[in-house]
Amino acid sequence: MPRMILLLPLLLPGWLSAKVIDSTAHGFTIQHSLLLDASPMEAYQAFVDVSQWYDAGHSYSGSAANFYLQPQPGGCLCERLPEGGGVQHMQVVFVAPGQMVRLSGGLGPLQAMAVSGSMSWTFQAEGDQTRLTLTYTVGGYRPGGLQVLAGPVDGVLGHQASRLQRYLATGSPAG
């Protein structure tokens, strides 16, 4: 059985602005905005090195070291599994180094549903820091509606974004 689970929304520190922008039976949009102690290019490079900050608790393999991101159109946000297996979590559809990465797909349990998702990570200079804005829009069908997933997905994505922030600030995503 895969270890991937969506947890209840996590309490997020004040420096992270998180919001479920919209939520209906047919989809939802989540947005997180936070400041990173890095230039836009440094933030982008850290983001691409996903195995360094991703939380293994939201993986199928139980190890963040199995994650990789190919930062090119058609590239993969993937996870290696034992015995040559693997998971394509999302596909890269747009890359502007130091500015934005856009991915397409459904994370975790969303992958098994009749849904589509678009996730954008934008990096914009703000003084000597970078404003990271993470937007994830999911639409489609799930018996009982998608609105019940907006809060849990928001919590997981906020947790991941805060891990990237801590990794850039301290060299370690744990907090």
N, C-alpha and C. Protein backbone atom coordinates (compact mmCIF):
# COMPACT_ATOMS: atom_id res chain seq x y z
N MET A 1 0.85 -1.19 0.00
CA MET A 1 0.00 0.00 0.00
C MET A 1 0.89 1.24 0.00
N PRO A 2 0.64 2.19 -0.89
CA PRO A 2 1.46 3.40 -0.93
C PRO A 2 1.37 4.18 0.38
N ARG A 3 2.47 4.86 0.70
CA ARG A 3 2.53 5.64 1.92
C ARG A 3 1.95 7.03 1.74
N MET A 4 1.61 7.41 0.51
CA MET A 4 1.16 8.77 0.22
C MET A 4 -0.20 9.01 0.87
N ILE A 5 -0.24 9.95 1.78
CA ILE A 5 -1.49 10.33 2.44
C ILE A 5 -1.56 11.85 2.51
N LEU A 6 -2.74 12.35 2.40
CA LEU A 6 -2.94 13.79 2.63
C LEU A 6 -3.30 13.96 4.09
N LEU A 7 -2.53 14.78 4.77
CA LEU A 7 -2.75 15.02 6.19
C LEU A 7 -3.73 16.17 6.38
N LEU A 8 -4.25 16.28 7.58
CA LEU A 8 -5.08 17.43 7.90
C LEU A 8 -4.24 18.69 7.72
N PRO A 9 -4.85 19.81 7.41
CA PRO A 9 -4.06 21.03 7.21
C PRO A 9 -3.13 21.29 8.39
N LEU A 10 -1.93 21.69 8.05
CA LEU A 10 -0.92 21.98 9.06
C LEU A 10 -0.99 23.44 9.45
N LEU A 11 -0.61 23.75 10.69
CA LEU A 11 -0.52 25.15 11.10
C LEU A 11 0.69 25.74 10.41
N LEU A 12 0.50 26.86 9.76
CA LEU A 12 1.56 27.46 8.96
C LEU A 12 2.09 28.71 9.64
N PRO A 13 3.40 28.92 9.63
CA PRO A 13 3.97 30.12 10.24
C PRO A 13 3.46 31.39 9.58
N GLY A 14 3.56 32.52 10.29
CA GLY A 14 3.04 33.78 9.82
C GLY A 14 3.67 34.30 8.55
N TRP A 15 4.91 33.93 8.23
CA TRP A 15 5.56 34.43 7.04
C TRP A 15 5.06 33.75 5.78
N LEU A 16 4.15 32.82 5.95
CA LEU A 16 3.58 32.10 4.81
C LEU A 16 2.13 32.50 4.67
N SER A 17 1.78 33.08 3.53
CA SER A 17 0.40 33.42 3.26
C SER A 17 -0.20 32.28 2.45
N ALA A 18 -1.19 31.62 3.03
CA ALA A 18 -1.82 30.48 2.37
C ALA A 18 -3.31 30.73 2.25
N LYS A 19 -3.84 30.25 1.14
CA LYS A 19 -5.25 30.52 0.95
C LYS A 19 -5.86 29.54 -0.04
N VAL A 20 -7.02 29.02 0.33
CA VAL A 20 -7.84 28.31 -0.64
C VAL A 20 -8.63 29.41 -1.32
N ILE A 21 -8.27 29.72 -2.54
CA ILE A 21 -8.88 30.83 -3.27
C ILE A 21 -10.30 30.53 -3.69
N ASP A 22 -10.52 29.27 -4.08
CA ASP A 22 -11.84 28.87 -4.57
C ASP A 22 -11.98 27.37 -4.34
N SER A 23 -13.18 26.93 -4.02
CA SER A 23 -13.41 25.51 -3.79
C SER A 23 -14.86 25.17 -4.11
N THR A 24 -15.05 24.26 -5.06
CA THR A 24 -16.39 23.79 -5.42
C THR A 24 -16.35 22.28 -5.58
N ALA A 25 -17.48 21.69 -5.88
CA ALA A 25 -17.53 20.25 -6.12
C ALA A 25 -16.67 19.85 -7.31
N HIS A 26 -16.42 20.78 -8.22
CA HIS A 26 -15.70 20.44 -9.45
C HIS A 26 -14.25 20.88 -9.45
N GLY A 27 -13.78 21.49 -8.37
CA GLY A 27 -12.37 21.85 -8.33
C GLY A 27 -12.03 22.87 -7.26
N PHE A 28 -10.77 23.22 -7.20
CA PHE A 28 -10.30 24.20 -6.22
C PHE A 28 -9.00 24.83 -6.71
N THR A 29 -8.72 25.99 -6.14
CA THR A 29 -7.45 26.69 -6.38
C THR A 29 -6.86 27.06 -5.03
N ILE A 30 -5.58 26.76 -4.89
CA ILE A 30 -4.83 27.04 -3.67
C ILE A 30 -3.67 27.95 -4.04
N GLN A 31 -3.35 28.89 -3.16
CA GLN A 31 -2.19 29.75 -3.41
C GLN A 31 -1.42 29.97 -2.11
N HIS A 32 -0.11 29.86 -2.21
CA HIS A 32 0.81 30.13 -1.10
C HIS A 32 1.80 31.17 -1.58
N SER A 33 2.13 32.09 -0.71
CA SER A 33 3.11 33.12 -1.02
C SER A 33 4.03 33.28 0.18
N LEU A 34 5.34 33.25 -0.05
CA LEU A 34 6.28 33.40 1.04
C LEU A 34 7.59 33.97 0.53
N LEU A 35 8.36 34.54 1.44
CA LEU A 35 9.66 35.11 1.10
C LEU A 35 10.76 34.08 1.34
N LEU A 36 11.67 34.02 0.39
CA LEU A 36 12.81 33.12 0.48
C LEU A 36 14.08 33.93 0.61
N ASP A 37 15.00 33.47 1.45
CA ASP A 37 16.28 34.14 1.64
C ASP A 37 17.24 33.68 0.54
N ALA A 38 16.98 34.14 -0.67
CA ALA A 38 17.79 33.76 -1.83
C ALA A 38 17.39 34.64 -3.00
N SER A 39 18.26 34.67 -4.00
CA SER A 39 17.90 35.35 -5.25
C SER A 39 16.90 34.46 -6.00
N PRO A 40 16.18 35.00 -6.98
CA PRO A 40 15.27 34.16 -7.76
C PRO A 40 15.96 32.95 -8.39
N MET A 41 17.18 33.12 -8.91
CA MET A 41 17.87 31.99 -9.53
C MET A 41 18.29 30.96 -8.49
N GLU A 42 18.76 31.41 -7.32
CA GLU A 42 19.11 30.47 -6.25
C GLU A 42 17.88 29.72 -5.76
N ALA A 43 16.76 30.42 -5.64
CA ALA A 43 15.51 29.78 -5.22
C ALA A 43 15.05 28.75 -6.24
N TYR A 44 15.13 29.12 -7.51
CA TYR A 44 14.77 28.20 -8.59
C TYR A 44 15.65 26.95 -8.54
N GLN A 45 16.96 27.14 -8.40
CA GLN A 45 17.88 26.00 -8.38
C GLN A 45 17.60 25.09 -7.19
N ALA A 46 17.29 25.66 -6.04
CA ALA A 46 16.94 24.85 -4.87
C ALA A 46 15.63 24.09 -5.12
N PHE A 47 14.66 24.76 -5.73
CA PHE A 47 13.39 24.10 -6.05
C PHE A 47 13.62 22.89 -6.95
N VAL A 48 14.44 23.06 -7.96
CA VAL A 48 14.73 21.98 -8.91
C VAL A 48 15.42 20.80 -8.21
N ASP A 49 16.18 21.06 -7.18
CA ASP A 49 16.86 20.01 -6.41
C ASP A 49 15.90 19.45 -5.36
N VAL A 50 14.76 19.00 -5.82
CA VAL A 50 13.61 18.63 -4.99
C VAL A 50 13.94 17.58 -3.93
N SER A 51 14.87 16.69 -4.18
CA SER A 51 15.19 15.64 -3.20
C SER A 51 15.80 16.20 -1.92
N GLN A 52 16.28 17.45 -1.96
CA GLN A 52 16.91 18.06 -0.79
C GLN A 52 15.90 18.64 0.20
N TRP A 53 14.68 18.95 -0.26
CA TRP A 53 13.72 19.60 0.64
C TRP A 53 12.35 18.91 0.72
N TYR A 54 12.05 18.01 -0.20
CA TYR A 54 10.74 17.37 -0.23
C TYR A 54 10.54 16.51 1.02
N ASP A 55 9.36 16.48 1.55
CA ASP A 55 9.04 15.69 2.74
C ASP A 55 8.75 14.24 2.35
N ALA A 56 9.58 13.33 2.83
CA ALA A 56 9.43 11.91 2.52
C ALA A 56 8.10 11.35 3.01
N GLY A 57 7.47 12.01 3.97
CA GLY A 57 6.17 11.56 4.45
C GLY A 57 5.07 11.66 3.41
N HIS A 58 5.36 12.35 2.33
CA HIS A 58 4.39 12.48 1.23
C HIS A 58 4.96 11.85 -0.02
N SER A 59 5.44 10.63 0.16
CA SER A 59 6.03 9.89 -0.96
C SER A 59 5.49 8.47 -0.96
N TYR A 60 5.72 7.78 -2.05
CA TYR A 60 5.36 6.37 -2.12
C TYR A 60 6.50 5.50 -1.60
N SER A 61 7.74 5.96 -1.77
CA SER A 61 8.92 5.16 -1.41
C SER A 61 9.37 5.36 0.03
N GLY A 62 8.94 6.47 0.66
CA GLY A 62 9.39 6.76 2.01
C GLY A 62 10.73 7.47 2.06
N SER A 63 11.23 7.90 0.90
CA SER A 63 12.54 8.57 0.85
C SER A 63 12.52 9.74 -0.13
N ALA A 64 12.82 10.93 0.37
CA ALA A 64 12.90 12.11 -0.51
C ALA A 64 14.04 11.97 -1.50
N ALA A 65 15.05 11.16 -1.18
CA ALA A 65 16.19 10.96 -2.08
C ALA A 65 15.76 10.34 -3.40
N ASN A 66 14.58 9.74 -3.43
CA ASN A 66 14.09 9.11 -4.66
C ASN A 66 13.39 10.08 -5.60
N PHE A 67 13.25 11.36 -5.19
CA PHE A 67 12.59 12.37 -6.02
C PHE A 67 13.59 13.04 -6.95
N TYR A 68 13.13 13.38 -8.14
CA TYR A 68 13.93 14.18 -9.06
C TYR A 68 12.99 14.99 -9.96
N LEU A 69 13.52 16.11 -10.43
CA LEU A 69 12.78 17.00 -11.32
C LEU A 69 13.65 17.28 -12.54
N GLN A 70 13.09 17.06 -13.70
CA GLN A 70 13.77 17.37 -14.97
C GLN A 70 13.22 18.71 -15.45
N PRO A 71 13.98 19.80 -15.27
CA PRO A 71 13.47 21.15 -15.57
C PRO A 71 13.51 21.50 -17.06
N GLN A 72 12.63 20.83 -17.80
CA GLN A 72 12.49 21.09 -19.23
C GLN A 72 11.08 20.68 -19.63
N PRO A 73 10.52 21.31 -20.68
CA PRO A 73 9.18 20.91 -21.11
C PRO A 73 9.14 19.41 -21.40
N GLY A 74 8.13 18.74 -20.86
CA GLY A 74 8.02 17.30 -20.99
C GLY A 74 8.77 16.56 -19.90
N GLY A 75 9.52 17.29 -19.08
CA GLY A 75 10.27 16.68 -17.99
C GLY A 75 9.35 16.14 -16.91
N CYS A 76 9.95 15.46 -15.99
CA CYS A 76 9.18 14.72 -14.99
C CYS A 76 9.51 15.18 -13.57
N LEU A 77 8.49 15.35 -12.75
CA LEU A 77 8.66 15.37 -11.31
C LEU A 77 8.32 13.94 -10.91
N CYS A 78 9.35 13.15 -10.67
CA CYS A 78 9.18 11.71 -10.53
C CYS A 78 9.81 11.20 -9.24
N GLU A 79 9.48 9.96 -8.94
CA GLU A 79 10.00 9.28 -7.76
C GLU A 79 10.37 7.86 -8.17
N ARG A 80 11.58 7.48 -7.81
CA ARG A 80 12.03 6.11 -8.07
C ARG A 80 11.44 5.18 -7.00
N LEU A 81 11.03 3.99 -7.44
CA LEU A 81 10.52 2.96 -6.53
C LEU A 81 11.41 1.73 -6.63
N PRO A 82 11.34 0.84 -5.65
CA PRO A 82 12.16 -0.38 -5.69
C PRO A 82 11.90 -1.21 -6.95
N GLU A 83 12.89 -2.00 -7.28
CA GLU A 83 12.82 -2.96 -8.39
C GLU A 83 12.54 -2.30 -9.73
N GLY A 84 13.01 -1.07 -9.91
CA GLY A 84 12.86 -0.39 -11.20
C GLY A 84 11.53 0.30 -11.40
N GLY A 85 10.70 0.33 -10.37
CA GLY A 85 9.41 1.01 -10.48
C GLY A 85 9.56 2.52 -10.35
N GLY A 86 8.45 3.21 -10.53
CA GLY A 86 8.49 4.66 -10.40
C GLY A 86 7.11 5.29 -10.46
N VAL A 87 7.08 6.56 -10.11
CA VAL A 87 5.85 7.35 -10.12
C VAL A 87 6.14 8.67 -10.82
N GLN A 88 5.32 9.02 -11.80
CA GLN A 88 5.36 10.36 -12.35
C GLN A 88 4.31 11.15 -11.59
N HIS A 89 4.76 12.02 -10.68
CA HIS A 89 3.84 12.83 -9.90
C HIS A 89 3.24 13.93 -10.76
N MET A 90 4.08 14.61 -11.54
CA MET A 90 3.61 15.69 -12.41
C MET A 90 4.55 15.79 -13.61
N GLN A 91 4.07 16.45 -14.66
CA GLN A 91 4.88 16.68 -15.85
C GLN A 91 5.17 18.17 -15.98
N VAL A 92 6.41 18.50 -16.32
CA VAL A 92 6.81 19.88 -16.53
C VAL A 92 6.25 20.35 -17.87
N VAL A 93 5.55 21.50 -17.85
CA VAL A 93 4.99 22.04 -19.09
C VAL A 93 5.57 23.40 -19.45
N PHE A 94 6.24 24.08 -18.49
CA PHE A 94 6.82 25.40 -18.75
C PHE A 94 7.98 25.62 -17.78
N VAL A 95 9.08 26.12 -18.31
CA VAL A 95 10.23 26.45 -17.47
C VAL A 95 10.84 27.76 -17.95
N ALA A 96 10.99 28.70 -17.04
CA ALA A 96 11.76 29.93 -17.26
C ALA A 96 12.69 30.02 -16.06
N PRO A 97 13.95 29.54 -16.18
CA PRO A 97 14.86 29.49 -15.04
C PRO A 97 14.93 30.81 -14.28
N GLY A 98 14.77 30.71 -12.96
CA GLY A 98 14.79 31.88 -12.10
C GLY A 98 13.50 32.67 -12.08
N GLN A 99 12.50 32.22 -12.86
CA GLN A 99 11.23 32.93 -12.92
C GLN A 99 10.02 32.05 -12.60
N MET A 100 9.90 30.92 -13.31
CA MET A 100 8.72 30.09 -13.10
C MET A 100 8.92 28.67 -13.59
N VAL A 101 8.25 27.75 -12.90
CA VAL A 101 8.11 26.36 -13.34
C VAL A 101 6.62 26.04 -13.23
N ARG A 102 6.07 25.49 -14.31
CA ARG A 102 4.66 25.06 -14.28
C ARG A 102 4.63 23.55 -14.54
N LEU A 103 3.84 22.88 -13.71
CA LEU A 103 3.70 21.43 -13.78
C LEU A 103 2.23 21.08 -14.00
N SER A 104 2.01 19.92 -14.57
CA SER A 104 0.65 19.46 -14.82
C SER A 104 0.47 18.08 -14.21
N GLY A 105 -0.66 17.87 -13.54
CA GLY A 105 -0.96 16.56 -12.99
C GLY A 105 -1.62 16.62 -11.63
N GLY A 106 -1.95 15.46 -11.13
CA GLY A 106 -2.57 15.33 -9.82
C GLY A 106 -1.60 14.68 -8.85
N LEU A 107 -1.38 15.32 -7.72
CA LEU A 107 -0.46 14.78 -6.71
C LEU A 107 -1.14 13.73 -5.84
N GLY A 108 -0.36 12.75 -5.41
CA GLY A 108 -0.82 11.76 -4.45
C GLY A 108 -2.12 11.11 -4.86
N PRO A 109 -3.11 11.10 -3.96
CA PRO A 109 -4.38 10.44 -4.25
C PRO A 109 -5.13 11.06 -5.43
N LEU A 110 -4.83 12.32 -5.76
CA LEU A 110 -5.49 12.95 -6.91
C LEU A 110 -5.16 12.21 -8.21
N GLN A 111 -4.02 11.55 -8.22
CA GLN A 111 -3.58 10.84 -9.42
C GLN A 111 -4.57 9.74 -9.82
N ALA A 112 -5.26 9.17 -8.85
CA ALA A 112 -6.19 8.08 -9.13
C ALA A 112 -7.61 8.56 -9.43
N MET A 113 -7.80 9.87 -9.45
CA MET A 113 -9.13 10.44 -9.68
C MET A 113 -9.22 11.02 -11.08
N ALA A 114 -10.42 11.29 -11.50
CA ALA A 114 -10.66 11.89 -12.81
C ALA A 114 -10.50 13.40 -12.70
N VAL A 115 -9.24 13.84 -12.41
CA VAL A 115 -8.97 15.26 -12.23
C VAL A 115 -7.72 15.65 -13.04
N SER A 116 -7.61 16.94 -13.23
CA SER A 116 -6.44 17.52 -13.87
C SER A 116 -5.98 18.67 -12.99
N GLY A 117 -4.66 18.87 -12.92
CA GLY A 117 -4.15 19.94 -12.09
C GLY A 117 -3.06 20.72 -12.80
N SER A 118 -2.98 22.02 -12.50
CA SER A 118 -1.93 22.88 -13.00
C SER A 118 -1.30 23.58 -11.80
N MET A 119 0.03 23.40 -11.64
CA MET A 119 0.74 23.96 -10.51
C MET A 119 1.85 24.87 -11.01
N SER A 120 1.85 26.12 -10.56
CA SER A 120 2.90 27.08 -10.94
C SER A 120 3.67 27.51 -9.71
N TRP A 121 5.00 27.52 -9.83
CA TRP A 121 5.91 28.04 -8.82
C TRP A 121 6.59 29.24 -9.47
N THR A 122 6.32 30.44 -8.97
CA THR A 122 6.94 31.64 -9.55
C THR A 122 7.92 32.23 -8.54
N PHE A 123 9.01 32.79 -9.07
CA PHE A 123 10.09 33.35 -8.27
C PHE A 123 10.30 34.80 -8.73
N GLN A 124 10.02 35.74 -7.83
CA GLN A 124 10.11 37.16 -8.18
C GLN A 124 10.95 37.89 -7.13
N ALA A 125 11.94 38.65 -7.60
CA ALA A 125 12.80 39.41 -6.68
C ALA A 125 11.96 40.38 -5.87
N GLU A 126 12.27 40.44 -4.58
CA GLU A 126 11.64 41.38 -3.67
C GLU A 126 12.73 41.85 -2.71
N GLY A 127 13.37 42.95 -3.06
CA GLY A 127 14.55 43.39 -2.30
C GLY A 127 15.66 42.39 -2.50
N ASP A 128 16.28 41.95 -1.40
CA ASP A 128 17.35 40.95 -1.52
C ASP A 128 16.80 39.53 -1.27
N GLN A 129 15.49 39.40 -1.32
CA GLN A 129 14.84 38.10 -1.17
C GLN A 129 14.06 37.77 -2.43
N THR A 130 13.38 36.64 -2.40
CA THR A 130 12.54 36.22 -3.52
C THR A 130 11.15 35.90 -3.00
N ARG A 131 10.15 36.42 -3.68
CA ARG A 131 8.75 36.09 -3.39
C ARG A 131 8.42 34.83 -4.18
N LEU A 132 8.17 33.76 -3.45
CA LEU A 132 7.72 32.52 -4.07
C LEU A 132 6.20 32.52 -4.01
N THR A 133 5.57 32.31 -5.14
CA THR A 133 4.12 32.13 -5.18
C THR A 133 3.84 30.77 -5.80
N LEU A 134 3.15 29.95 -5.06
CA LEU A 134 2.77 28.60 -5.48
C LEU A 134 1.26 28.60 -5.68
N THR A 135 0.83 28.29 -6.89
CA THR A 135 -0.60 28.23 -7.20
C THR A 135 -0.90 26.86 -7.78
N TYR A 136 -1.92 26.19 -7.24
CA TYR A 136 -2.32 24.87 -7.72
C TYR A 136 -3.82 24.89 -7.95
N THR A 137 -4.21 24.65 -9.19
CA THR A 137 -5.62 24.59 -9.57
C THR A 137 -5.93 23.17 -10.02
N VAL A 138 -6.97 22.59 -9.42
CA VAL A 138 -7.38 21.22 -9.72
C VAL A 138 -8.84 21.24 -10.13
N GLY A 139 -9.16 20.53 -11.19
CA GLY A 139 -10.55 20.43 -11.63
C GLY A 139 -10.84 19.03 -12.13
N GLY A 140 -12.11 18.64 -12.05
CA GLY A 140 -12.51 17.33 -12.54
C GLY A 140 -13.65 16.75 -11.71
N TYR A 141 -13.66 15.44 -11.63
CA TYR A 141 -14.74 14.73 -10.95
C TYR A 141 -14.19 13.82 -9.87
N ARG A 142 -14.88 13.82 -8.74
CA ARG A 142 -14.66 12.90 -7.63
C ARG A 142 -16.01 12.68 -6.98
N PRO A 143 -16.43 11.41 -6.76
CA PRO A 143 -17.69 11.20 -6.07
C PRO A 143 -17.70 11.97 -4.75
N GLY A 144 -18.75 12.75 -4.52
CA GLY A 144 -18.85 13.55 -3.31
C GLY A 144 -18.24 14.94 -3.47
N GLY A 145 -17.54 15.17 -4.58
CA GLY A 145 -17.00 16.49 -4.87
C GLY A 145 -15.56 16.67 -4.44
N LEU A 146 -14.90 17.62 -5.07
CA LEU A 146 -13.49 17.91 -4.80
C LEU A 146 -13.29 18.89 -3.65
N GLN A 147 -14.33 19.62 -3.27
CA GLN A 147 -14.18 20.65 -2.25
C GLN A 147 -13.63 20.11 -0.93
N VAL A 148 -13.89 18.85 -0.61
CA VAL A 148 -13.40 18.29 0.65
C VAL A 148 -11.89 18.09 0.64
N LEU A 149 -11.27 18.13 -0.52
CA LEU A 149 -9.82 17.93 -0.62
C LEU A 149 -9.03 19.23 -0.58
N ALA A 150 -9.69 20.36 -0.78
CA ALA A 150 -8.99 21.65 -0.86
C ALA A 150 -8.17 21.94 0.40
N GLY A 151 -8.76 21.79 1.56
CA GLY A 151 -8.04 22.07 2.82
C GLY A 151 -6.85 21.15 3.04
N PRO A 152 -7.03 19.84 2.93
CA PRO A 152 -5.89 18.94 3.11
C PRO A 152 -4.77 19.18 2.08
N VAL A 153 -5.11 19.39 0.82
CA VAL A 153 -4.09 19.66 -0.20
C VAL A 153 -3.38 20.97 0.12
N ASP A 154 -4.13 21.97 0.56
CA ASP A 154 -3.55 23.25 0.94
C ASP A 154 -2.52 23.05 2.06
N GLY A 155 -2.85 22.25 3.06
CA GLY A 155 -1.94 22.00 4.16
C GLY A 155 -0.66 21.31 3.72
N VAL A 156 -0.78 20.32 2.88
CA VAL A 156 0.39 19.58 2.39
C VAL A 156 1.28 20.50 1.56
N LEU A 157 0.70 21.27 0.66
CA LEU A 157 1.51 22.16 -0.19
C LEU A 157 2.16 23.26 0.63
N GLY A 158 1.46 23.78 1.62
CA GLY A 158 2.06 24.78 2.49
C GLY A 158 3.24 24.22 3.25
N HIS A 159 3.09 22.99 3.69
CA HIS A 159 4.18 22.30 4.40
C HIS A 159 5.39 22.15 3.49
N GLN A 160 5.16 21.74 2.24
CA GLN A 160 6.27 21.55 1.31
C GLN A 160 6.95 22.89 1.01
N ALA A 161 6.16 23.94 0.79
CA ALA A 161 6.74 25.27 0.50
C ALA A 161 7.57 25.76 1.68
N SER A 162 7.09 25.51 2.91
CA SER A 162 7.85 25.96 4.07
C SER A 162 9.14 25.16 4.22
N ARG A 163 9.15 23.92 3.78
CA ARG A 163 10.38 23.12 3.80
C ARG A 163 11.41 23.70 2.82
N LEU A 164 10.96 24.12 1.65
CA LEU A 164 11.86 24.76 0.70
C LEU A 164 12.41 26.05 1.31
N GLN A 165 11.56 26.81 1.96
CA GLN A 165 11.99 28.05 2.60
C GLN A 165 13.05 27.79 3.66
N ARG A 166 12.82 26.81 4.53
CA ARG A 166 13.80 26.48 5.58
C ARG A 166 15.10 25.96 4.98
N TYR A 167 15.01 25.16 3.92
CA TYR A 167 16.20 24.64 3.27
C TYR A 167 17.07 25.78 2.76
N LEU A 168 16.45 26.78 2.14
CA LEU A 168 17.22 27.93 1.64
C LEU A 168 17.80 28.77 2.79
N ALA A 169 17.08 28.87 3.88
CA ALA A 169 17.53 29.70 5.01
C ALA A 169 18.60 29.02 5.87
N THR A 170 18.50 27.69 6.02
CA THR A 170 19.35 27.00 6.99
C THR A 170 20.17 25.85 6.42
N GLY A 171 19.84 25.41 5.20
CA GLY A 171 20.50 24.24 4.64
C GLY A 171 19.83 22.94 5.01
N SER A 172 18.76 23.02 5.82
CA SER A 172 18.01 21.84 6.22
C SER A 172 16.51 22.15 6.14
N PRO A 173 15.71 21.26 5.54
CA PRO A 173 14.28 21.52 5.44
C PRO A 173 13.51 21.23 6.71
N ALA A 174 14.11 20.49 7.63
CA ALA A 174 13.42 20.11 8.86
C ALA A 174 13.24 21.33 9.77
N GLY A 175 12.13 21.35 10.45
CA GLY A 175 11.88 22.48 11.32
C GLY A 175 11.03 22.16 12.50
